[in-house]
Amino acid sequence: MELVRKLLIDTADNVSEYNLIIIPDNQGQVEQAERDKLIKYHLEIMRQNHLLDFEAHDYLDGSCSIINVQLTWAGQDYLSNIEDDTIWSKTKSVAQEKGLEIAKLSFDLLKNLAAQQAKQLLGIE
């Protein structure tokens, strides 16, 4: 979930790092290719959950380009709950206090937990 948060924040800040070209492992850049595959996987599942949108182009040589990464309304809404470091830290702390790993929480549960922490911080719950 840390990577999802980073991808959302960077996308909102228009960091072009995620306009990327993924190259096959056999071109001698295995570490970079593994990182890019991990980012591509997370971008794909984030798109499936309507957090962001982008264009992906697969090429015959096994490479892939991802361009025009943009937040959706749902992505901006979720980011509003997790962008603040204090709220994010509190959200992770609450999960850890219950013996849960933040990375293993469902998206909906994490979204609700973060919103609850934001409301508590604002004194409206």
Protein backbone atom coordinates (compact mmCIF):
# COMPACT_ATOMS: atom_id res chain seq x y z
CA MET A 1 0.00 0.00 0.00
CA GLU A 2 2.99 2.29 0.41
CA LEU A 3 3.65 2.04 -3.33
CA VAL A 4 -0.02 2.72 -4.13
CA ARG A 5 0.12 5.83 -1.95
CA LYS A 6 3.36 6.98 -3.60
CA LEU A 7 1.95 6.42 -7.08
CA LEU A 8 -1.17 8.43 -6.24
CA ILE A 9 0.79 11.29 -4.67
CA ASP A 10 3.28 11.43 -7.53
CA THR A 11 0.49 11.32 -10.11
CA ALA A 12 -1.35 14.15 -8.35
CA ASP A 13 1.90 16.14 -8.29
CA ASN A 14 2.42 15.46 -12.03
CA VAL A 15 5.64 13.55 -11.50
CA SER A 16 6.38 12.04 -14.89
CA GLU A 17 8.35 9.12 -13.43
CA TYR A 18 5.37 6.86 -14.09
CA ASN A 19 5.26 7.68 -17.76
CA LEU A 20 7.58 4.75 -18.26
CA ILE A 21 8.86 2.29 -20.76
CA ILE A 22 9.17 -1.27 -19.53
CA ILE A 23 11.87 -3.32 -21.20
CA PRO A 24 12.24 -7.12 -21.17
CA ASP A 25 14.58 -8.68 -18.58
CA ASN A 26 16.91 -9.98 -21.26
CA GLN A 27 18.27 -6.55 -22.13
CA GLY A 28 20.69 -6.46 -19.19
CA GLN A 29 18.71 -4.16 -16.91
CA VAL A 30 17.04 -6.77 -14.70
CA GLU A 31 16.73 -4.62 -11.56
CA GLN A 32 15.13 -1.74 -13.45
CA ALA A 33 12.87 -4.16 -15.34
CA GLU A 34 11.68 -5.75 -12.08
CA ARG A 35 10.93 -2.32 -10.59
CA ASP A 36 9.03 -1.32 -13.73
CA LYS A 37 7.02 -4.58 -13.68
CA LEU A 38 6.05 -3.94 -10.06
CA ILE A 39 4.96 -0.40 -10.89
CA LYS A 40 3.04 -1.63 -13.96
CA TYR A 41 1.24 -4.25 -11.84
CA HIS A 42 0.22 -1.66 -9.26
CA LEU A 43 -0.86 0.81 -11.94
CA GLU A 44 -3.01 -1.92 -13.53
CA ILE A 45 -4.76 -2.85 -10.30
CA MET A 46 -5.23 0.82 -9.46
CA ARG A 47 -6.87 1.31 -12.86
CA GLN A 48 -9.11 -1.71 -12.23
CA ASN A 49 -10.22 -0.02 -8.99
CA HIS A 50 -10.85 3.26 -10.84
CA LEU A 51 -8.17 5.17 -8.92
CA LEU A 52 -6.35 6.31 -12.03
CA ASP A 53 -6.28 5.98 -15.77
CA PHE A 54 -3.48 5.77 -18.33
CA GLU A 55 -2.57 4.58 -21.79
CA ALA A 56 -0.55 1.37 -22.09
CA HIS A 57 1.08 0.21 -25.31
CA ASP A 58 2.63 -3.26 -25.66
CA TYR A 59 5.23 -3.84 -28.35
CA LEU A 60 6.38 -6.94 -30.21
CA ASP A 61 9.81 -6.90 -28.53
CA GLY A 62 8.16 -7.42 -25.12
CA SER A 63 8.45 -3.80 -24.04
CA CYS A 64 5.57 -1.66 -22.87
CA SER A 65 5.02 2.05 -22.48
CA ILE A 66 2.67 3.66 -19.98
CA ILE A 67 1.79 7.28 -20.61
CA ASN A 68 -0.73 9.93 -19.58
CA VAL A 69 -1.18 8.64 -16.03
CA GLN A 70 -3.99 10.64 -14.39
CA LEU A 71 -6.02 10.42 -11.20
CA THR A 72 -9.73 9.72 -11.44
CA TRP A 73 -12.33 11.27 -9.16
CA ALA A 74 -12.21 8.14 -6.97
CA GLY A 75 -8.40 8.28 -6.91
CA GLN A 76 -8.42 11.91 -5.80
CA ASP A 77 -11.03 11.10 -3.15
CA TYR A 78 -8.94 8.24 -1.77
CA LEU A 79 -5.76 10.30 -1.93
CA SER A 80 -7.48 13.02 0.11
CA ASN A 81 -7.70 10.51 2.97
CA ILE A 82 -4.16 9.12 2.79
CA GLU A 83 -1.96 11.96 1.50
CA ASP A 84 -1.40 13.61 4.88
CA ASP A 85 1.54 11.93 6.65
CA THR A 86 -0.11 12.23 10.08
CA ILE A 87 -3.31 10.53 8.95
CA TRP A 88 -1.36 7.85 7.05
CA SER A 89 0.85 7.13 10.08
CA LYS A 90 -2.18 6.91 12.36
CA THR A 91 -3.95 4.60 9.90
CA LYS A 92 -0.94 2.28 9.84
CA SER A 93 -0.60 2.43 13.64
CA VAL A 94 -4.23 1.46 14.20
CA ALA A 95 -3.84 -1.53 11.89
CA GLN A 96 -0.60 -2.59 13.59
CA GLU A 97 -2.17 -2.25 17.05
CA LYS A 98 -4.76 -4.79 15.91
CA GLY A 99 -2.01 -7.11 14.67
CA LEU A 100 -2.68 -6.43 10.99
CA GLU A 101 -0.26 -5.62 8.20
CA ILE A 102 -1.27 -2.59 6.20
CA ALA A 103 -0.30 -4.35 2.96
CA LYS A 104 -2.74 -7.18 3.66
CA LEU A 105 -5.81 -5.04 4.34
CA SER A 106 -8.45 -4.86 1.64
CA PHE A 107 -8.61 -1.62 -0.26
CA ASP A 108 -12.09 -0.80 1.04
CA LEU A 109 -11.11 -1.46 4.65
CA LEU A 110 -8.00 0.68 4.33
CA LYS A 111 -9.99 3.45 2.65
CA ASN A 112 -12.54 3.45 5.46
CA LEU A 113 -9.88 3.28 8.17
CA ALA A 114 -8.04 6.25 6.67
CA ALA A 115 -11.27 8.24 6.40
CA GLN A 116 -12.05 7.43 10.03
CA GLN A 117 -8.60 8.67 11.11
CA ALA A 118 -9.11 11.89 9.14
CA LYS A 119 -12.49 12.46 10.81
CA GLN A 120 -11.00 11.84 14.26
CA LEU A 121 -8.16 14.27 13.54
CA LEU A 122 -10.71 16.89 12.53
CA GLY A 123 -12.84 16.17 15.59
CA ILE A 124 -15.96 15.22 13.66
CA GLU A 125 -16.14 11.66 14.91
